[in-house]
Amino acid sequence: TKGKSTAKKVAEKTLKENLRQEFQVSLTVDGSTKYMSGMIIELDESWGKFEGKYIIEKVSHSVTGDYTCDLECLKVGARENSKSENK
């Protein structure tokens, strides 16, 4: 049983990483101090298949020339949605 438990943990970790890559977006936006890790942003229907709510995982502020922010975001509910689609 120990081998099955280890295999299950490896499979879950692999699935988690695959989902993270599939539902992750990177955006460059006008600079603002309001963007912080943990904050939720929403992309409207003009973003097409990327529409939805995202949690900001990482923010990089750049003041070289114009002030911009690079956001790395993960879609909220991505793991739950993929589990229900796979059933």
PDB file of N, CA and C in Angstrom:
ATOM      1  N   THR A   1       0.822  -1.211   0.000  1.00  0.00           N
ATOM      2  CA  THR A   1       0.000   0.000   0.000  1.00  0.00           C
ATOM      3  C   THR A   1       0.857   1.263   0.000  1.00  0.00           C
ATOM      4  N   LYS A   2       2.051   1.188   0.544  1.00  0.00           N
ATOM      5  CA  LYS A   2       2.903   2.375   0.576  1.00  0.00           C
ATOM      6  C   LYS A   2       3.242   2.832  -0.840  1.00  0.00           C
ATOM      7  N   GLY A   3       3.490   1.876  -1.734  1.00  0.00           N
ATOM      8  CA  GLY A   3       3.802   2.217  -3.121  1.00  0.00           C
ATOM      9  C   GLY A   3       2.639   2.891  -3.822  1.00  0.00           C
ATOM     10  N   LYS A   4       1.414   2.438  -3.542  1.00  0.00           N
ATOM     11  CA  LYS A   4       0.233   3.046  -4.153  1.00  0.00           C
ATOM     12  C   LYS A   4       0.032   4.459  -3.636  1.00  0.00           C
ATOM     13  N   SER A   5       0.281   4.649  -2.350  1.00  0.00           N
ATOM     14  CA  SER A   5       0.133   5.967  -1.750  1.00  0.00           C
ATOM     15  C   SER A   5       1.119   6.955  -2.376  1.00  0.00           C
ATOM     16  N   THR A   6       2.352   6.522  -2.556  1.00  0.00           N
ATOM     17  CA  THR A   6       3.372   7.374  -3.166  1.00  0.00           C
ATOM     18  C   THR A   6       3.007   7.689  -4.614  1.00  0.00           C
ATOM     19  N   ALA A   7       2.559   6.689  -5.349  1.00  0.00           N
ATOM     20  CA  ALA A   7       2.177   6.895  -6.749  1.00  0.00           C
ATOM     21  C   ALA A   7       1.019   7.884  -6.854  1.00  0.00           C
ATOM     22  N   LYS A   8       0.058   7.789  -5.941  1.00  0.00           N
ATOM     23  CA  LYS A   8      -1.076   8.702  -5.948  1.00  0.00           C
ATOM     24  C   LYS A   8      -0.619  10.134  -5.680  1.00  0.00           C
ATOM     25  N   LYS A   9       0.284  10.310  -4.735  1.00  0.00           N
ATOM     26  CA  LYS A   9       0.801  11.649  -4.419  1.00  0.00           C
ATOM     27  C   LYS A   9       1.538  12.243  -5.620  1.00  0.00           C
ATOM     28  N   VAL A  10       2.331  11.425  -6.302  1.00  0.00           N
ATOM     29  CA  VAL A  10       3.060  11.899  -7.484  1.00  0.00           C
ATOM     30  C   VAL A  10       2.074  12.288  -8.586  1.00  0.00           C
ATOM     31  N   ALA A  11       1.038  11.467  -8.785  1.00  0.00           N
ATOM     32  CA  ALA A  11       0.026  11.755  -9.806  1.00  0.00           C
ATOM     33  C   ALA A  11      -0.717  13.053  -9.490  1.00  0.00           C
ATOM     34  N   GLU A  12      -1.083  13.251  -8.220  1.00  0.00           N
ATOM     35  CA  GLU A  12      -1.787  14.475  -7.830  1.00  0.00           C
ATOM     36  C   GLU A  12      -0.908  15.704  -8.015  1.00  0.00           C
ATOM     37  N   LYS A  13       0.367  15.585  -7.682  1.00  0.00           N
ATOM     38  CA  LYS A  13       1.294  16.704  -7.846  1.00  0.00           C
ATOM     39  C   LYS A  13       1.463  17.037  -9.328  1.00  0.00           C
ATOM     40  N   THR A  14       1.576  16.012 -10.167  1.00  0.00           N
ATOM     41  CA  THR A  14       1.720  16.219 -11.610  1.00  0.00           C
ATOM     42  C   THR A  14       0.475  16.883 -12.174  1.00  0.00           C
ATOM     43  N   LEU A  15      -0.711  16.422 -11.766  1.00  0.00           N
ATOM     44  CA  LEU A  15      -1.959  17.025 -12.212  1.00  0.00           C
ATOM     45  C   LEU A  15      -2.035  18.488 -11.788  1.00  0.00           C
ATOM     46  N   LYS A  16      -1.666  18.758 -10.547  1.00  0.00           N
ATOM     47  CA  LYS A  16      -1.695  20.129 -10.028  1.00  0.00           C
ATOM     48  C   LYS A  16      -0.792  21.036 -10.863  1.00  0.00           C
ATOM     49  N   GLU A  17       0.405  20.577 -11.186  1.00  0.00           N
ATOM     50  CA  GLU A  17       1.330  21.383 -11.994  1.00  0.00           C
ATOM     51  C   GLU A  17       0.810  21.577 -13.414  1.00  0.00           C
ATOM     52  N   ASN A  18       0.218  20.535 -13.997  1.00  0.00           N
ATOM     53  CA  ASN A  18      -0.349  20.662 -15.341  1.00  0.00           C
ATOM     54  C   ASN A  18      -1.499  21.652 -15.359  1.00  0.00           C
ATOM     55  N   LEU A  19      -2.360  21.604 -14.351  1.00  0.00           N
ATOM     56  CA  LEU A  19      -3.466  22.548 -14.258  1.00  0.00           C
ATOM     57  C   LEU A  19      -2.958  23.968 -14.073  1.00  0.00           C
ATOM     58  N   ARG A  20      -1.915  24.110 -13.278  1.00  0.00           N
ATOM     59  CA  ARG A  20      -1.333  25.425 -13.041  1.00  0.00           C
ATOM     60  C   ARG A  20      -0.870  26.039 -14.363  1.00  0.00           C
ATOM     61  N   GLN A  21      -0.228  25.248 -15.206  1.00  0.00           N
ATOM     62  CA  GLN A  21       0.254  25.752 -16.487  1.00  0.00           C
ATOM     63  C   GLN A  21      -0.899  26.047 -17.437  1.00  0.00           C
ATOM     64  N   GLU A  22      -1.924  25.202 -17.433  1.00  0.00           N
ATOM     65  CA  GLU A  22      -3.034  25.356 -18.358  1.00  0.00           C
ATOM     66  C   GLU A  22      -3.895  26.572 -18.040  1.00  0.00           C
ATOM     67  N   PHE A  23      -4.026  26.921 -16.787  1.00  0.00           N
ATOM     68  CA  PHE A  23      -4.915  28.002 -16.385  1.00  0.00           C
ATOM     69  C   PHE A  23      -4.160  29.211 -15.848  1.00  0.00           C
ATOM     70  N   GLN A  24      -2.931  29.392 -16.298  1.00  0.00           N
ATOM     71  CA  GLN A  24      -2.125  30.512 -15.855  1.00  0.00           C
ATOM     72  C   GLN A  24      -2.004  31.520 -16.995  1.00  0.00           C
ATOM     73  N   VAL A  25      -2.100  32.803 -16.673  1.00  0.00           N
ATOM     74  CA  VAL A  25      -1.913  33.854 -17.665  1.00  0.00           C
ATOM     75  C   VAL A  25      -0.875  34.845 -17.146  1.00  0.00           C
ATOM     76  N   SER A  26      -0.169  35.443 -18.076  1.00  0.00           N
ATOM     77  CA  SER A  26       0.781  36.512 -17.765  1.00  0.00           C
ATOM     78  C   SER A  26       0.324  37.753 -18.513  1.00  0.00           C
ATOM     79  N   LEU A  27       0.235  38.854 -17.816  1.00  0.00           N
ATOM     80  CA  LEU A  27      -0.236  40.106 -18.399  1.00  0.00           C
ATOM     81  C   LEU A  27       0.731  41.234 -18.071  1.00  0.00           C
ATOM     82  N   THR A  28       0.862  42.161 -18.985  1.00  0.00           N
ATOM     83  CA  THR A  28       1.565  43.414 -18.711  1.00  0.00           C
ATOM     84  C   THR A  28       0.517  44.513 -18.780  1.00  0.00           C
ATOM     85  N   VAL A  29       0.383  45.260 -17.690  1.00  0.00           N
ATOM     86  CA  VAL A  29      -0.647  46.289 -17.585  1.00  0.00           C
ATOM     87  C   VAL A  29       0.002  47.615 -17.181  1.00  0.00           C
ATOM     88  N   ASP A  30      -0.773  48.693 -17.316  1.00  0.00           N
ATOM     89  CA  ASP A  30      -0.296  49.989 -16.846  1.00  0.00           C
ATOM     90  C   ASP A  30       0.040  49.873 -15.366  1.00  0.00           C
ATOM     91  N   GLY A  31       1.116  50.528 -14.968  1.00  0.00           N
ATOM     92  CA  GLY A  31       1.576  50.429 -13.594  1.00  0.00           C
ATOM     93  C   GLY A  31       0.609  51.002 -12.581  1.00  0.00           C
ATOM     94  N   SER A  32       0.504  50.308 -11.463  1.00  0.00           N
ATOM     95  CA  SER A  32      -0.325  50.770 -10.366  1.00  0.00           C
ATOM     96  C   SER A  32       0.079  50.014  -9.101  1.00  0.00           C
ATOM     97  N   THR A  33       0.111  50.723  -7.999  1.00  0.00           N
ATOM     98  CA  THR A  33       0.443  50.079  -6.732  1.00  0.00           C
ATOM     99  C   THR A  33      -0.722  49.257  -6.188  1.00  0.00           C
ATOM    100  N   LYS A  34      -1.878  49.322  -6.849  1.00  0.00           N
ATOM    101  CA  LYS A  34      -3.034  48.549  -6.374  1.00  0.00           C
ATOM    102  C   LYS A  34      -2.885  47.054  -6.658  1.00  0.00           C
ATOM    103  N   TYR A  35      -2.005  46.668  -7.596  1.00  0.00           N
ATOM    104  CA  TYR A  35      -1.817  45.246  -7.899  1.00  0.00           C
ATOM    105  C   TYR A  35      -0.907  44.605  -6.857  1.00  0.00           C
ATOM    106  N   MET A  36      -1.437  43.556  -6.184  1.00  0.00           N
ATOM    107  CA  MET A  36      -0.683  42.854  -5.147  1.00  0.00           C
ATOM    108  C   MET A  36      -0.950  41.357  -5.263  1.00  0.00           C
ATOM    109  N   SER A  37       0.011  40.546  -4.854  1.00  0.00           N
ATOM    110  CA  SER A  37      -0.186  39.101  -4.807  1.00  0.00           C
ATOM    111  C   SER A  37      -1.363  38.781  -3.906  1.00  0.00           C
ATOM    112  N   GLY A  38      -2.186  37.827  -4.334  1.00  0.00           N
ATOM    113  CA  GLY A  38      -3.355  37.430  -3.568  1.00  0.00           C
ATOM    114  C   GLY A  38      -4.624  38.154  -3.981  1.00  0.00           C
ATOM    115  N   MET A  39      -4.483  39.240  -4.713  1.00  0.00           N
ATOM    116  CA  MET A  39      -5.632  40.009  -5.173  1.00  0.00           C
ATOM    117  C   MET A  39      -6.329  39.264  -6.315  1.00  0.00           C
ATOM    118  N   ILE A  40      -7.643  39.407  -6.415  1.00  0.00           N
ATOM    119  CA  ILE A  40      -8.391  38.787  -7.506  1.00  0.00           C
ATOM    120  C   ILE A  40      -8.754  39.855  -8.532  1.00  0.00           C
ATOM    121  N   ILE A  41      -8.477  39.538  -9.805  1.00  0.00           N
ATOM    122  CA  ILE A  41      -8.867  40.415 -10.903  1.00  0.00           C
ATOM    123  C   ILE A  41      -9.852  39.649 -11.782  1.00  0.00           C
ATOM    124  N   GLU A  42     -10.634  40.374 -12.564  1.00  0.00           N
ATOM    125  CA  GLU A  42     -11.601  39.721 -13.447  1.00  0.00           C
ATOM    126  C   GLU A  42     -11.403  40.204 -14.869  1.00  0.00           C
ATOM    127  N   LEU A  43     -11.280  39.246 -15.789  1.00  0.00           N
ATOM    128  CA  LEU A  43     -11.180  39.558 -17.207  1.00  0.00           C
ATOM    129  C   LEU A  43     -12.569  39.383 -17.810  1.00  0.00           C
ATOM    130  N   ASP A  44     -13.051  40.399 -18.517  1.00  0.00           N
ATOM    131  CA  ASP A  44     -14.414  40.351 -19.047  1.00  0.00           C
ATOM    132  C   ASP A  44     -14.494  39.547 -20.347  1.00  0.00           C
ATOM    133  N   GLU A  45     -15.693  39.520 -20.945  1.00  0.00           N
ATOM    134  CA  GLU A  45     -15.941  38.706 -22.139  1.00  0.00           C
ATOM    135  C   GLU A  45     -15.102  39.120 -23.344  1.00  0.00           C
ATOM    136  N   SER A  46     -14.544  40.322 -23.328  1.00  0.00           N
ATOM    137  CA  SER A  46     -13.690  40.751 -24.443  1.00  0.00           C
ATOM    138  C   SER A  46     -12.400  39.929 -24.516  1.00  0.00           C
ATOM    139  N   TRP A  47     -12.070  39.179 -23.443  1.00  0.00           N
ATOM    140  CA  TRP A  47     -10.884  38.333 -23.407  1.00  0.00           C
ATOM    141  C   TRP A  47     -11.157  36.936 -23.975  1.00  0.00           C
ATOM    142  N   GLY A  48     -12.397  36.692 -24.427  1.00  0.00           N
ATOM    143  CA  GLY A  48     -12.742  35.407 -25.040  1.00  0.00           C
ATOM    144  C   GLY A  48     -12.607  34.256 -24.060  1.00  0.00           C
ATOM    145  N   LYS A  49     -11.874  33.213 -24.469  1.00  0.00           N
ATOM    146  CA  LYS A  49     -11.756  32.013 -23.636  1.00  0.00           C
ATOM    147  C   LYS A  49     -11.009  32.272 -22.328  1.00  0.00           C
ATOM    148  N   PHE A  50     -10.370  33.431 -22.199  1.00  0.00           N
ATOM    149  CA  PHE A  50      -9.655  33.762 -20.967  1.00  0.00           C
ATOM    150  C   PHE A  50     -10.535  34.508 -19.969  1.00  0.00           C
ATOM    151  N   GLU A  51     -11.802  34.723 -20.323  1.00  0.00           N
ATOM    152  CA  GLU A  51     -12.733  35.413 -19.428  1.00  0.00           C
ATOM    153  C   GLU A  51     -12.826  34.690 -18.087  1.00  0.00           C
ATOM    154  N   GLY A  52     -12.893  35.451 -17.014  1.00  0.00           N
ATOM    155  CA  GLY A  52     -13.071  34.858 -15.692  1.00  0.00           C
ATOM    156  C   GLY A  52     -12.277  35.577 -14.625  1.00  0.00           C
ATOM    157  N   LYS A  53     -12.323  35.008 -13.430  1.00  0.00           N
ATOM    158  CA  LYS A  53     -11.616  35.583 -12.287  1.00  0.00           C
ATOM    159  C   LYS A  53     -10.271  34.888 -12.119  1.00  0.00           C
ATOM    160  N   TYR A  54      -9.262  35.687 -11.789  1.00  0.00           N
ATOM    161  CA  TYR A  54      -7.897  35.194 -11.610  1.00  0.00           C
ATOM    162  C   TYR A  54      -7.325  35.742 -10.315  1.00  0.00           C
ATOM    163  N   ILE A  55      -6.532  34.921  -9.649  1.00  0.00           N
ATOM    164  CA  ILE A  55      -5.815  35.386  -8.469  1.00  0.00           C
ATOM    165  C   ILE A  55      -4.386  35.727  -8.898  1.00  0.00           C
ATOM    166  N   ILE A  56      -3.913  36.879  -8.481  1.00  0.00           N
ATOM    167  CA  ILE A  56      -2.557  37.299  -8.825  1.00  0.00           C
ATOM    168  C   ILE A  56      -1.569  36.531  -7.943  1.00  0.00           C
ATOM    169  N   GLU A  57      -0.682  35.796  -8.584  1.00  0.00           N
ATOM    170  CA  GLU A  57       0.328  35.033  -7.843  1.00  0.00           C
ATOM    171  C   GLU A  57       1.622  35.811  -7.686  1.00  0.00           C
ATOM    172  N   LYS A  58       1.945  36.641  -8.681  1.00  0.00           N
ATOM    173  CA  LYS A  58       3.206  37.386  -8.642  1.00  0.00           C
ATOM    174  C   LYS A  58       3.035  38.693  -9.402  1.00  0.00           C
ATOM    175  N   VAL A  59       3.591  39.762  -8.856  1.00  0.00           N
ATOM    176  CA  VAL A  59       3.571  41.081  -9.489  1.00  0.00           C
ATOM    177  C   VAL A  59       4.995  41.609  -9.561  1.00  0.00           C
ATOM    178  N   SER A  60       5.374  42.106 -10.734  1.00  0.00           N
ATOM    179  CA  SER A  60       6.669  42.773 -10.891  1.00  0.00           C
ATOM    180  C   SER A  60       6.401  44.182 -11.386  1.00  0.00           C
ATOM    181  N   HIS A  61       6.883  45.162 -10.645  1.00  0.00           N
ATOM    182  CA  HIS A  61       6.721  46.561 -11.025  1.00  0.00           C
ATOM    183  C   HIS A  61       7.977  47.019 -11.758  1.00  0.00           C
ATOM    184  N   SER A  62       7.774  47.727 -12.866  1.00  0.00           N
ATOM    185  CA  SER A  62       8.903  48.224 -13.650  1.00  0.00           C
ATOM    186  C   SER A  62       8.707  49.705 -13.944  1.00  0.00           C
ATOM    187  N   VAL A  63       9.740  50.491 -13.642  1.00  0.00           N
ATOM    188  CA  VAL A  63       9.667  51.927 -13.870  1.00  0.00           C
ATOM    189  C   VAL A  63      10.699  52.346 -14.915  1.00  0.00           C
ATOM    190  N   THR A  64      11.058  51.431 -15.795  1.00  0.00           N
ATOM    191  CA  THR A  64      11.991  51.751 -16.874  1.00  0.00           C
ATOM    192  C   THR A  64      11.193  52.384 -18.005  1.00  0.00           C
ATOM    193  N   GLY A  65      11.339  53.675 -18.206  1.00  0.00           N
ATOM    194  CA  GLY A  65      10.489  54.372 -19.177  1.00  0.00           C
ATOM    195  C   GLY A  65       9.109  54.562 -18.569  1.00  0.00           C
ATOM    196  N   ASP A  66       8.110  53.845 -19.109  1.00  0.00           N
ATOM    197  CA  ASP A  66       6.757  53.891 -18.553  1.00  0.00           C
ATOM    198  C   ASP A  66       6.663  52.974 -17.342  1.00  0.00           C
ATOM    199  N   TYR A  67       5.731  53.284 -16.460  1.00  0.00           N
ATOM    200  CA  TYR A  67       5.488  52.450 -15.282  1.00  0.00           C
ATOM    201  C   TYR A  67       4.531  51.337 -15.687  1.00  0.00           C
ATOM    202  N   THR A  68       4.979  50.081 -15.601  1.00  0.00           N
ATOM    203  CA  THR A  68       4.154  48.927 -15.943  1.00  0.00           C
ATOM    204  C   THR A  68       4.230  47.879 -14.837  1.00  0.00           C
ATOM    205  N   CYS A  69       3.264  46.971 -14.861  1.00  0.00           N
ATOM    206  CA  CYS A  69       3.249  45.826 -13.948  1.00  0.00           C
ATOM    207  C   CYS A  69       3.105  44.554 -14.769  1.00  0.00           C
ATOM    208  N   ASP A  70       3.929  43.572 -14.470  1.00  0.00           N
ATOM    209  CA  ASP A  70       3.792  42.247 -15.058  1.00  0.00           C
ATOM    210  C   ASP A  70       3.091  41.377 -14.019  1.00  0.00           C
ATOM    211  N   LEU A  71       1.967  40.793 -14.415  1.00  0.00           N
ATOM    212  CA  LEU A  71       1.172  39.976 -13.509  1.00  0.00           C
ATOM    213  C   LEU A  71       1.217  38.518 -13.948  1.00  0.00           C
ATOM    214  N   GLU A  72       1.414  37.623 -13.009  1.00  0.00           N
ATOM    215  CA  GLU A  72       1.265  36.193 -13.246  1.00  0.00           C
ATOM    216  C   GLU A  72       0.054  35.767 -12.443  1.00  0.00           C
ATOM    217  N   CYS A  73      -0.963  35.234 -13.139  1.00  0.00           N
ATOM    218  CA  CYS A  73      -2.241  34.944 -12.501  1.00  0.00           C
ATOM    219  C   CYS A  73      -2.679  33.510 -12.768  1.00  0.00           C
ATOM    220  N   LEU A  74      -3.436  32.953 -11.818  1.00  0.00           N
ATOM    221  CA  LEU A  74      -3.985  31.608 -11.929  1.00  0.00           C
ATOM    222  C   LEU A  74      -5.502  31.722 -11.870  1.00  0.00           C
ATOM    223  N   LYS A  75      -6.189  31.058 -12.804  1.00  0.00           N
ATOM    224  CA  LYS A  75      -7.643  31.147 -12.863  1.00  0.00           C
ATOM    225  C   LYS A  75      -8.273  30.554 -11.607  1.00  0.00           C
ATOM    226  N   VAL A  76      -9.199  31.291 -11.022  1.00  0.00           N
ATOM    227  CA  VAL A  76      -9.905  30.847  -9.821  1.00  0.00           C
ATOM    228  C   VAL A  76     -10.848  29.716 -10.209  1.00  0.00           C
ATOM    229  N   GLY A  77     -10.794  28.608  -9.442  1.00  0.00           N
ATOM    230  CA  GLY A  77     -11.674  27.481  -9.698  1.00  0.00           C
ATOM    231  C   GLY A  77     -11.191  26.543 -10.789  1.00  0.00           C
ATOM    232  N   ALA A  78      -9.998  26.750 -11.311  1.00  0.00           N
ATOM    233  CA  ALA A  78      -9.495  25.922 -12.412  1.00  0.00           C
ATOM    234  C   ALA A  78      -9.405  24.455 -12.012  1.00  0.00           C
ATOM    235  N   ARG A  79      -8.931  24.180 -10.826  1.00  0.00           N
ATOM    236  CA  ARG A  79      -8.784  22.789 -10.382  1.00  0.00           C
ATOM    237  C   ARG A  79     -10.155  22.114 -10.244  1.00  0.00           C
ATOM    238  N   GLU A  80     -11.104  22.823  -9.646  1.00  0.00           N
ATOM    239  CA  GLU A  80     -12.427  22.239  -9.444  1.00  0.00           C
ATOM    240  C   GLU A  80     -13.118  21.995 -10.780  1.00  0.00           C
ATOM    241  N   ASN A  81     -13.015  22.956 -11.721  1.00  0.00           N
ATOM    242  CA  ASN A  81     -13.656  22.811 -13.024  1.00  0.00           C
ATOM    243  C   ASN A  81     -13.075  21.636 -13.796  1.00  0.00           C
ATOM    244  N   SER A  82     -11.778  21.449 -13.740  1.00  0.00           N
ATOM    245  CA  SER A  82     -11.158  20.363 -14.496  1.00  0.00           C
ATOM    246  C   SER A  82     -11.540  19.006 -13.906  1.00  0.00           C
ATOM    247  N   LYS A  83     -11.690  18.924 -12.584  1.00  0.00           N
ATOM    248  CA  LYS A  83     -12.091  17.663 -11.966  1.00  0.00           C
ATOM    249  C   LYS A  83     -13.495  17.277 -12.392  1.00  0.00           C
ATOM    250  N   SER A  84     -14.417  18.256 -12.471  1.00  0.00           N
ATOM    251  CA  SER A  84     -15.789  17.941 -12.856  1.00  0.00           C
ATOM    252  C   SER A  84     -15.876  17.605 -14.345  1.00  0.00           C
ATOM    253  N   GLU A  85     -15.018  18.175 -15.185  1.00  0.00           N
ATOM    254  CA  GLU A  85     -14.994  17.857 -16.607  1.00  0.00           C
ATOM    255  C   GLU A  85     -14.454  16.469 -16.867  1.00  0.00           C
ATOM    256  N   ASN A  86     -13.556  15.984 -16.005  1.00  0.00           N
ATOM    257  CA  ASN A  86     -12.930  14.688 -16.200  1.00  0.00           C
ATOM    258  C   ASN A  86     -13.792  13.539 -15.705  1.00  0.00           C
ATOM    259  N   LYS A  87     -14.887  13.816 -15.025  1.00  0.00           N
ATOM    260  CA  LYS A  87     -15.728  12.742 -14.474  1.00  0.00           C
ATOM    261  C   LYS A  87     -16.647  12.193 -15.519  1.00  0.00           C
TER     262      LYS A  87
END
